[in-house]
């Protein structure tokens, strides 16, 4: 939907607004955003603020923190969680109780306070959002806070997706499940063998010990991951993303790869 179609949609839905006023709103949105918005994007923001739904190609802004201006709606921002602040309760004007929690998020362009409202507070209460995670905040709206700084607010339509977990120390892995990211050094030569699964498949698995400053864990790298690690030498430092913890022999914790697992070599051993 181009600029003219959006203007026509606004005019048909809001008979109290003139074309000239809409064009002025669009120009102001562009000016407030430092002219980084296209005419169509600015028109979609204006339509949203006027309560006019644009069905085709809904607006999805993914921008850096430094690009944010007060009044932007349906914003998407990626960043790393620098701080998580505890939830608070408050009383609304209608005497109902509300909840809020806040995060401090950073990207390469700046720092931003993110405010989670009501049901979204559960993300903090449950511990799902942690420091050092890389997250994507979607469907947020930007407003000026009491201190004059911009804040990204997350209400009912908002969403937070965890893009990357911080690396865990091996000794801190106590329970089963995942995904988990770990860094460590290969402590034993990967032992590759063929096994038969419960589905009667013959697959390759490579087993080795991974160590860090806190301890060691057995790692089982399955299928394509077995091929990826089979030639890695003792002393190679690696990062494993999207691995899962489970209990193995004598209930000892182990790590296991899955289809989504990624293994990056950080440093080869010195020869």
C-alpha atoms as a PDB file:
ATOM      1  CA  UNK A   1       0.000   0.000   0.000  1.00  0.00           C
ATOM      2  CA  UNK A   2       1.586   3.307  -1.104  1.00  0.00           C
ATOM      3  CA  UNK A   3       1.328   6.771   0.429  1.00  0.00           C
ATOM      4  CA  UNK A   4      -1.768   7.832  -1.512  1.00  0.00           C
ATOM      5  CA  UNK A   5      -3.654   4.673  -0.594  1.00  0.00           C
ATOM      6  CA  UNK A   6      -2.887   5.188   3.098  1.00  0.00           C
ATOM      7  CA  UNK A   7      -4.111   8.801   2.934  1.00  0.00           C
ATOM      8  CA  UNK A   8      -7.328   7.660   1.225  1.00  0.00           C
ATOM      9  CA  UNK A   9      -7.828   5.012   3.924  1.00  0.00           C
ATOM     10  CA  UNK A  10      -7.438   7.657   6.648  1.00  0.00           C
ATOM     11  CA  UNK A  11      -9.839  10.063   4.919  1.00  0.00           C
ATOM     12  CA  UNK A  12     -12.461   7.351   4.477  1.00  0.00           C
ATOM     13  CA  UNK A  13     -12.234   6.357   8.157  1.00  0.00           C
ATOM     14  CA  UNK A  14     -11.874   9.820   9.686  1.00  0.00           C
ATOM     15  CA  UNK A  15     -14.200  12.315   8.024  1.00  0.00           C
ATOM     16  CA  UNK A  16     -13.274  14.897  10.667  1.00  0.00           C
ATOM     17  CA  UNK A  17      -9.716  15.191   9.349  1.00  0.00           C
ATOM     18  CA  UNK A  18      -8.688  17.056   6.211  1.00  0.00           C
ATOM     19  CA  UNK A  19      -6.074  15.915   3.695  1.00  0.00           C
ATOM     20  CA  UNK A  20      -3.896  18.927   4.539  1.00  0.00           C
ATOM     21  CA  UNK A  21      -3.832  17.947   8.227  1.00  0.00           C
ATOM     22  CA  UNK A  22      -2.785  14.394   7.346  1.00  0.00           C
ATOM     23  CA  UNK A  23       0.059  15.644   5.155  1.00  0.00           C
ATOM     24  CA  UNK A  24       1.208  17.943   7.955  1.00  0.00           C
ATOM     25  CA  UNK A  25       1.207  15.010  10.396  1.00  0.00           C
ATOM     26  CA  UNK A  26       3.266  12.932   7.971  1.00  0.00           C
ATOM     27  CA  UNK A  27       5.829  15.698   7.520  1.00  0.00           C
ATOM     28  CA  UNK A  28       6.087  16.177  11.292  1.00  0.00           C
ATOM     29  CA  UNK A  29       6.661  12.448  11.844  1.00  0.00           C
ATOM     30  CA  UNK A  30       9.480  12.503   9.303  1.00  0.00           C
ATOM     31  CA  UNK A  31      11.003  15.611  10.837  1.00  0.00           C
ATOM     32  CA  UNK A  32      10.792  14.247  14.406  1.00  0.00           C
ATOM     33  CA  UNK A  33      12.543  11.057  13.294  1.00  0.00           C
ATOM     34  CA  UNK A  34      15.392  12.934  11.626  1.00  0.00           C
ATOM     35  CA  UNK A  35      14.008  12.194   8.160  1.00  0.00           C
ATOM     36  CA  UNK A  36      14.998   8.516   8.375  1.00  0.00           C
ATOM     37  CA  UNK A  37      11.362   7.504   7.812  1.00  0.00           C
ATOM     38  CA  UNK A  38       9.917   7.142   4.322  1.00  0.00           C
ATOM     39  CA  UNK A  39       6.642   8.888   3.416  1.00  0.00           C
ATOM     40  CA  UNK A  40       4.822   5.551   3.574  1.00  0.00           C
ATOM     41  CA  UNK A  41       6.249   4.649   7.000  1.00  0.00           C
ATOM     42  CA  UNK A  42       5.422   8.087   8.423  1.00  0.00           C
ATOM     43  CA  UNK A  43       1.901   7.794   6.998  1.00  0.00           C
ATOM     44  CA  UNK A  44       1.438   4.405   8.664  1.00  0.00           C
ATOM     45  CA  UNK A  45       2.499   5.861  12.019  1.00  0.00           C
ATOM     46  CA  UNK A  46       0.045   8.748  11.572  1.00  0.00           C
ATOM     47  CA  UNK A  47      -2.742   6.302  10.672  1.00  0.00           C
ATOM     48  CA  UNK A  48      -1.999   4.206  13.769  1.00  0.00           C
ATOM     49  CA  UNK A  49      -2.184   7.242  16.050  1.00  0.00           C
ATOM     50  CA  UNK A  50      -5.482   8.247  14.444  1.00  0.00           C
ATOM     51  CA  UNK A  51      -6.912   4.808  15.127  1.00  0.00           C
ATOM     52  CA  UNK A  52      -7.019   3.776  11.465  1.00  0.00           C
ATOM     53  CA  UNK A  53      -6.004   0.188  10.801  1.00  0.00           C
ATOM     54  CA  UNK A  54      -3.860  -0.393   7.726  1.00  0.00           C
ATOM     55  CA  UNK A  55      -4.364  -4.073   6.934  1.00  0.00           C
ATOM     56  CA  UNK A  56      -1.826  -4.605   4.191  1.00  0.00           C
ATOM     57  CA  UNK A  57       1.865  -4.650   5.053  1.00  0.00           C
ATOM     58  CA  UNK A  58       1.524  -3.733   8.737  1.00  0.00           C
ATOM     59  CA  UNK A  59       4.246  -1.451  10.015  1.00  0.00           C
ATOM     60  CA  UNK A  60       7.226  -3.128  11.629  1.00  0.00           C
ATOM     61  CA  UNK A  61      10.045  -0.801  12.565  1.00  0.00           C
ATOM     62  CA  UNK A  62      13.381  -2.327  13.466  1.00  0.00           C
ATOM     63  CA  UNK A  63      15.728   0.489  14.352  1.00  0.00           C
ATOM     64  CA  UNK A  64      18.594   1.303  16.683  1.00  0.00           C
ATOM     65  CA  UNK A  65      18.136   2.936  20.066  1.00  0.00           C
ATOM     66  CA  UNK A  66      19.597   6.223  18.857  1.00  0.00           C
ATOM     67  CA  UNK A  67      16.871   6.450  16.174  1.00  0.00           C
ATOM     68  CA  UNK A  68      13.948   6.410  18.593  1.00  0.00           C
ATOM     69  CA  UNK A  69      11.725   9.438  19.018  1.00  0.00           C
ATOM     70  CA  UNK A  70       8.722   9.947  21.261  1.00  0.00           C
ATOM     71  CA  UNK A  71       5.457   8.954  19.594  1.00  0.00           C
ATOM     72  CA  UNK A  72       6.712   6.015  17.537  1.00  0.00           C
ATOM     73  CA  UNK A  73       4.457   2.965  17.690  1.00  0.00           C
ATOM     74  CA  UNK A  74       4.923  -0.691  16.765  1.00  0.00           C
ATOM     75  CA  UNK A  75       8.696  -0.466  17.149  1.00  0.00           C
ATOM     76  CA  UNK A  76      11.144  -3.374  17.061  1.00  0.00           C
ATOM     77  CA  UNK A  77      14.548  -3.053  18.747  1.00  0.00           C
ATOM     78  CA  UNK A  78      17.299  -5.596  19.387  1.00  0.00           C
ATOM     79  CA  UNK A  79      19.695  -5.200  22.302  1.00  0.00           C
ATOM     80  CA  UNK A  80      21.491  -6.764  25.229  1.00  0.00           C
ATOM     81  CA  UNK A  81      19.959  -6.708  28.701  1.00  0.00           C
ATOM     82  CA  UNK A  82      22.264  -4.684  30.967  1.00  0.00           C
ATOM     83  CA  UNK A  83      20.004  -4.669  34.050  1.00  0.00           C
ATOM     84  CA  UNK A  84      16.710  -6.164  35.252  1.00  0.00           C
ATOM     85  CA  UNK A  85      14.775  -4.203  37.887  1.00  0.00           C
ATOM     86  CA  UNK A  86      12.246  -5.833  40.253  1.00  0.00           C
ATOM     87  CA  UNK A  87       8.505  -5.506  39.585  1.00  0.00           C
ATOM     88  CA  UNK A  88       6.433  -2.836  41.295  1.00  0.00           C
ATOM     89  CA  UNK A  89       2.712  -2.503  41.882  1.00  0.00           C
ATOM     90  CA  UNK A  90       0.699   0.700  41.618  1.00  0.00           C
ATOM     91  CA  UNK A  91      -2.905   1.830  41.895  1.00  0.00           C
ATOM     92  CA  UNK A  92      -4.641   3.201  38.804  1.00  0.00           C
ATOM     93  CA  UNK A  93      -7.121   6.041  38.822  1.00  0.00           C
ATOM     94  CA  UNK A  94      -9.975   3.521  38.832  1.00  0.00           C
ATOM     95  CA  UNK A  95      -8.448   1.946  41.980  1.00  0.00           C
ATOM     96  CA  UNK A  96      -7.427  -1.264  40.203  1.00  0.00           C
ATOM     97  CA  UNK A  97      -3.934  -2.587  40.784  1.00  0.00           C
ATOM     98  CA  UNK A  98      -1.364  -2.491  38.022  1.00  0.00           C
ATOM     99  CA  UNK A  99       2.160  -3.917  37.738  1.00  0.00           C
ATOM    100  CA  UNK A 100       5.290  -2.798  35.984  1.00  0.00           C
ATOM    101  CA  UNK A 101       8.899  -3.872  35.691  1.00  0.00           C
ATOM    102  CA  UNK A 102      11.759  -2.385  33.755  1.00  0.00           C
ATOM    103  CA  UNK A 103      14.906  -3.395  31.921  1.00  0.00           C
ATOM    104  CA  UNK A 104      17.968  -1.482  30.828  1.00  0.00           C
ATOM    105  CA  UNK A 105      18.827  -2.487  27.258  1.00  0.00           C
ATOM    106  CA  UNK A 106      21.867  -1.440  25.247  1.00  0.00           C
ATOM    107  CA  UNK A 107      22.936  -1.650  21.629  1.00  0.00           C
ATOM    108  CA  UNK A 108      25.939  -0.144  19.849  1.00  0.00           C
ATOM    109  CA  UNK A 109      24.117   3.186  19.526  1.00  0.00           C
ATOM    110  CA  UNK A 110      22.886   3.799  23.061  1.00  0.00           C
ATOM    111  CA  UNK A 111      21.007   2.779  26.218  1.00  0.00           C
ATOM    112  CA  UNK A 112      17.243   2.491  26.689  1.00  0.00           C
ATOM    113  CA  UNK A 113      14.835   1.856  29.553  1.00  0.00           C
ATOM    114  CA  UNK A 114      12.187  -0.701  28.606  1.00  0.00           C
ATOM    115  CA  UNK A 115       9.000  -0.721  30.705  1.00  0.00           C
ATOM    116  CA  UNK A 116       6.908  -3.902  30.903  1.00  0.00           C
ATOM    117  CA  UNK A 117       3.273  -3.460  31.912  1.00  0.00           C
ATOM    118  CA  UNK A 118       0.855  -5.835  33.670  1.00  0.00           C
ATOM    119  CA  UNK A 119       0.909  -9.331  32.080  1.00  0.00           C
ATOM    120  CA  UNK A 120       4.355  -8.708  30.540  1.00  0.00           C
ATOM    121  CA  UNK A 121       5.826  -8.380  34.049  1.00  0.00           C
ATOM    122  CA  UNK A 122       5.670 -12.182  34.267  1.00  0.00           C
ATOM    123  CA  UNK A 123       8.740 -12.310  32.002  1.00  0.00           C
ATOM    124  CA  UNK A 124      10.734 -10.744  34.842  1.00  0.00           C
ATOM    125  CA  UNK A 125       8.958 -12.517  37.720  1.00  0.00           C
ATOM    126  CA  UNK A 126       9.558 -15.934  36.159  1.00  0.00           C
ATOM    127  CA  UNK A 127      13.218 -15.218  35.537  1.00  0.00           C
ATOM    128  CA  UNK A 128      12.886 -15.670  31.768  1.00  0.00           C
ATOM    129  CA  UNK A 129      14.608 -12.335  31.169  1.00  0.00           C
ATOM    130  CA  UNK A 130      18.156 -12.249  32.511  1.00  0.00           C
ATOM    131  CA  UNK A 131      21.160  -9.944  32.339  1.00  0.00           C
ATOM    132  CA  UNK A 132      23.431 -10.398  29.313  1.00  0.00           C
ATOM    133  CA  UNK A 133      20.721 -11.978  27.160  1.00  0.00           C
ATOM    134  CA  UNK A 134      20.324 -10.576  23.674  1.00  0.00           C
ATOM    135  CA  UNK A 135      16.621  -9.939  23.076  1.00  0.00           C
ATOM    136  CA  UNK A 136      14.262  -8.612  20.419  1.00  0.00           C
ATOM    137  CA  UNK A 137      11.525  -6.284  21.683  1.00  0.00           C
ATOM    138  CA  UNK A 138       8.575  -6.089  19.275  1.00  0.00           C
ATOM    139  CA  UNK A 139       5.361  -4.034  19.103  1.00  0.00           C
ATOM    140  CA  UNK A 140       6.629  -1.457  21.593  1.00  0.00           C
ATOM    141  CA  UNK A 141       5.716   2.227  21.737  1.00  0.00           C
ATOM    142  CA  UNK A 142       8.065   5.080  22.588  1.00  0.00           C
ATOM    143  CA  UNK A 143       7.154   7.748  25.128  1.00  0.00           C
ATOM    144  CA  UNK A 144       9.070  10.268  27.222  1.00  0.00           C
ATOM    145  CA  UNK A 145       9.572   9.191  30.847  1.00  0.00           C
ATOM    146  CA  UNK A 146       9.255  11.309  33.977  1.00  0.00           C
ATOM    147  CA  UNK A 147      12.985  12.065  33.832  1.00  0.00           C
ATOM    148  CA  UNK A 148      12.725  13.343  30.264  1.00  0.00           C
ATOM    149  CA  UNK A 149      14.468  10.325  28.754  1.00  0.00           C
ATOM    150  CA  UNK A 150      12.828   8.116  26.145  1.00  0.00           C
ATOM    151  CA  UNK A 151      11.316   4.809  27.232  1.00  0.00           C
ATOM    152  CA  UNK A 152      10.121   1.850  25.177  1.00  0.00           C
ATOM    153  CA  UNK A 153       6.861   0.549  26.632  1.00  0.00           C
ATOM    154  CA  UNK A 154       5.560  -2.980  26.231  1.00  0.00           C
ATOM    155  CA  UNK A 155       1.836  -3.570  26.699  1.00  0.00           C
ATOM    156  CA  UNK A 156      -0.597  -6.313  25.693  1.00  0.00           C
ATOM    157  CA  UNK A 157       0.532  -6.378  22.047  1.00  0.00           C
ATOM    158  CA  UNK A 158       4.202  -6.358  22.945  1.00  0.00           C
ATOM    159  CA  UNK A 159       6.545  -9.304  22.753  1.00  0.00           C
ATOM    160  CA  UNK A 160      10.092 -10.178  23.799  1.00  0.00           C
ATOM    161  CA  UNK A 161      12.057 -12.904  22.037  1.00  0.00           C
ATOM    162  CA  UNK A 162      15.340 -14.172  23.444  1.00  0.00           C
ATOM    163  CA  UNK A 163      17.859 -14.200  20.590  1.00  0.00           C
ATOM    164  CA  UNK A 164      20.924 -15.340  22.511  1.00  0.00           C
ATOM    165  CA  UNK A 165      21.540 -16.607  26.016  1.00  0.00           C
ATOM    166  CA  UNK A 166      24.710 -15.655  27.904  1.00  0.00           C
ATOM    167  CA  UNK A 167      27.238 -18.453  28.288  1.00  0.00           C
ATOM    168  CA  UNK A 168      26.711 -20.575  31.403  1.00  0.00           C
ATOM    169  CA  UNK A 169      29.451 -21.895  33.615  1.00  0.00           C
ATOM    170  CA  UNK A 170      29.436 -25.687  33.607  1.00  0.00           C
ATOM    171  CA  UNK A 171      29.083 -25.902  37.383  1.00  0.00           C
ATOM    172  CA  UNK A 172      25.947 -23.748  37.211  1.00  0.00           C
ATOM    173  CA  UNK A 173      24.088 -26.270  35.044  1.00  0.00           C
ATOM    174  CA  UNK A 174      21.949 -28.013  37.639  1.00  0.00           C
ATOM    175  CA  UNK A 175      18.721 -28.911  35.856  1.00  0.00           C
ATOM    176  CA  UNK A 176      17.743 -30.565  32.611  1.00  0.00           C
ATOM    177  CA  UNK A 177      16.546 -28.760  29.493  1.00  0.00           C
ATOM    178  CA  UNK A 178      17.725 -25.872  27.380  1.00  0.00           C
ATOM    179  CA  UNK A 179      18.676 -24.289  25.113  1.00  0.00           C
ATOM    180  CA  UNK A 180      21.962 -23.440  26.807  1.00  0.00           C
ATOM    181  CA  UNK A 181      25.097 -21.667  25.591  1.00  0.00           C
ATOM    182  CA  UNK A 182      28.439 -22.764  27.034  1.00  0.00           C
ATOM    183  CA  UNK A 183      32.098 -21.988  26.422  1.00  0.00           C
ATOM    184  CA  UNK A 184      34.904 -24.311  27.303  1.00  0.00           C
ATOM    185  CA  UNK A 185      37.973 -26.258  26.277  1.00  0.00           C
ATOM    186  CA  UNK A 186      37.923 -29.763  24.837  1.00  0.00           C
ATOM    187  CA  UNK A 187      39.554 -31.899  27.548  1.00  0.00           C
ATOM    188  CA  UNK A 188      39.443 -35.322  25.861  1.00  0.00           C
ATOM    189  CA  UNK A 189      39.724 -36.448  22.242  1.00  0.00           C
ATOM    190  CA  UNK A 190      36.220 -36.837  20.731  1.00  0.00           C
ATOM    191  CA  UNK A 191      35.269 -40.528  20.570  1.00  0.00           C
ATOM    192  CA  UNK A 192      33.075 -41.158  17.518  1.00  0.00           C
ATOM    193  CA  UNK A 193      30.888 -44.243  17.344  1.00  0.00           C
ATOM    194  CA  UNK A 194      27.723 -45.413  15.650  1.00  0.00           C
ATOM    195  CA  UNK A 195      24.622 -46.112  17.723  1.00  0.00           C
ATOM    196  CA  UNK A 196      21.077 -47.275  17.026  1.00  0.00           C
ATOM    197  CA  UNK A 197      18.346 -44.925  18.271  1.00  0.00           C
ATOM    198  CA  UNK A 198      14.911 -45.850  19.637  1.00  0.00           C
ATOM    199  CA  UNK A 199      13.595 -45.251  16.100  1.00  0.00           C
ATOM    200  CA  UNK A 200      16.005 -47.905  14.821  1.00  0.00           C
ATOM    201  CA  UNK A 201      18.183 -45.291  13.096  1.00  0.00           C
ATOM    202  CA  UNK A 202      21.928 -45.714  12.842  1.00  0.00           C
ATOM    203  CA  UNK A 203      23.524 -42.364  13.709  1.00  0.00           C
ATOM    204  CA  UNK A 204      26.976 -41.089  14.620  1.00  0.00           C
ATOM    205  CA  UNK A 205      27.672 -39.614  18.046  1.00  0.00           C
ATOM    206  CA  UNK A 206      30.911 -38.057  19.286  1.00  0.00           C
ATOM    207  CA  UNK A 207      31.547 -37.944  23.024  1.00  0.00           C
ATOM    208  CA  UNK A 208      34.126 -35.799  24.798  1.00  0.00           C
ATOM    209  CA  UNK A 209      34.738 -33.892  28.012  1.00  0.00           C
ATOM    210  CA  UNK A 210      34.321 -30.122  28.014  1.00  0.00           C
ATOM    211  CA  UNK A 211      36.013 -28.103  30.765  1.00  0.00           C
ATOM    212  CA  UNK A 212      35.927 -24.538  32.022  1.00  0.00           C
ATOM    213  CA  UNK A 213      37.157 -22.784  35.162  1.00  0.00           C
ATOM    214  CA  UNK A 214      34.369 -24.401  37.219  1.00  0.00           C
ATOM    215  CA  UNK A 215      34.529 -28.055  36.191  1.00  0.00           C
ATOM    216  CA  UNK A 216      33.909 -30.615  33.450  1.00  0.00           C
ATOM    217  CA  UNK A 217      30.886 -32.121  31.715  1.00  0.00           C
ATOM    218  CA  UNK A 218      30.445 -34.896  29.198  1.00  0.00           C
ATOM    219  CA  UNK A 219      29.194 -33.722  25.801  1.00  0.00           C
ATOM    220  CA  UNK A 220      27.435 -35.883  23.201  1.00  0.00           C
ATOM    221  CA  UNK A 221      27.464 -34.399  19.700  1.00  0.00           C
ATOM    222  CA  UNK A 222      24.979 -36.146  17.437  1.00  0.00           C
ATOM    223  CA  UNK A 223      24.718 -36.627  13.660  1.00  0.00           C
ATOM    224  CA  UNK A 224      26.199 -33.631  11.801  1.00  0.00           C
ATOM    225  CA  UNK A 225      27.663 -32.305  15.042  1.00  0.00           C
ATOM    226  CA  UNK A 226      29.673 -35.522  15.420  1.00  0.00           C
ATOM    227  CA  UNK A 227      31.252 -34.769  12.055  1.00  0.00           C
ATOM    228  CA  UNK A 228      31.922 -31.173  13.120  1.00  0.00           C
ATOM    229  CA  UNK A 229      33.844 -32.084  16.290  1.00  0.00           C
ATOM    230  CA  UNK A 230      35.541 -35.364  15.394  1.00  0.00           C
ATOM    231  CA  UNK A 231      38.828 -33.740  14.334  1.00  0.00           C
ATOM    232  CA  UNK A 232      38.994 -31.100  17.072  1.00  0.00           C
ATOM    233  CA  UNK A 233      42.100 -31.383  19.216  1.00  0.00           C
ATOM    234  CA  UNK A 234      42.382 -31.420  22.989  1.00  0.00           C
ATOM    235  CA  UNK A 235      42.887 -27.814  24.086  1.00  0.00           C
ATOM    236  CA  UNK A 236      40.567 -26.342  21.447  1.00  0.00           C
ATOM    237  CA  UNK A 237      38.334 -23.651  22.937  1.00  0.00           C
ATOM    238  CA  UNK A 238      34.753 -23.745  21.624  1.00  0.00           C
ATOM    239  CA  UNK A 239      31.377 -22.118  22.118  1.00  0.00           C
ATOM    240  CA  UNK A 240      28.295 -24.352  21.921  1.00  0.00           C
ATOM    241  CA  UNK A 241      24.932 -22.685  21.357  1.00  0.00           C
ATOM    242  CA  UNK A 242      21.536 -24.367  21.755  1.00  0.00           C
ATOM    243  CA  UNK A 243      22.727 -27.449  23.617  1.00  0.00           C
ATOM    244  CA  UNK A 244      20.537 -29.242  26.154  1.00  0.00           C
ATOM    245  CA  UNK A 245      21.325 -30.602  29.604  1.00  0.00           C
ATOM    246  CA  UNK A 246      20.255 -34.068  30.686  1.00  0.00           C
ATOM    247  CA  UNK A 247      21.079 -36.629  33.334  1.00  0.00           C
ATOM    248  CA  UNK A 248      23.282 -39.498  32.205  1.00  0.00           C
ATOM    249  CA  UNK A 249      25.111 -42.318  33.961  1.00  0.00           C
ATOM    250  CA  UNK A 250      24.587 -42.218  37.735  1.00  0.00           C
ATOM    251  CA  UNK A 251      22.486 -39.065  37.319  1.00  0.00           C
ATOM    252  CA  UNK A 252      25.516 -37.026  36.280  1.00  0.00           C
ATOM    253  CA  UNK A 253      24.725 -33.914  34.229  1.00  0.00           C
ATOM    254  CA  UNK A 254      25.615 -34.108  30.529  1.00  0.00           C
ATOM    255  CA  UNK A 255      25.208 -31.880  27.501  1.00  0.00           C
ATOM    256  CA  UNK A 256      23.694 -33.080  24.241  1.00  0.00           C
ATOM    257  CA  UNK A 257      23.396 -31.467  20.821  1.00  0.00           C
ATOM    258  CA  UNK A 258      20.212 -31.094  18.782  1.00  0.00           C
ATOM    259  CA  UNK A 259      19.439 -30.023  15.225  1.00  0.00           C
ATOM    260  CA  UNK A 260      19.628 -26.332  16.217  1.00  0.00           C
ATOM    261  CA  UNK A 261      23.018 -26.662  17.950  1.00  0.00           C
ATOM    262  CA  UNK A 262      25.860 -24.492  16.656  1.00  0.00           C
ATOM    263  CA  UNK A 263      29.512 -25.051  17.552  1.00  0.00           C
ATOM    264  CA  UNK A 264      32.045 -22.242  17.020  1.00  0.00           C
ATOM    265  CA  UNK A 265      35.787 -22.724  17.389  1.00  0.00           C
ATOM    266  CA  UNK A 266      37.110 -19.786  19.433  1.00  0.00           C
ATOM    267  CA  UNK A 267      40.783 -20.738  19.677  1.00  0.00           C
ATOM    268  CA  UNK A 268      42.946 -23.558  18.356  1.00  0.00           C
ATOM    269  CA  UNK A 269      45.464 -25.146  20.719  1.00  0.00           C
ATOM    270  CA  UNK A 270      49.035 -23.913  20.398  1.00  0.00           C
ATOM    271  CA  UNK A 271      51.277 -26.273  18.474  1.00  0.00           C
END
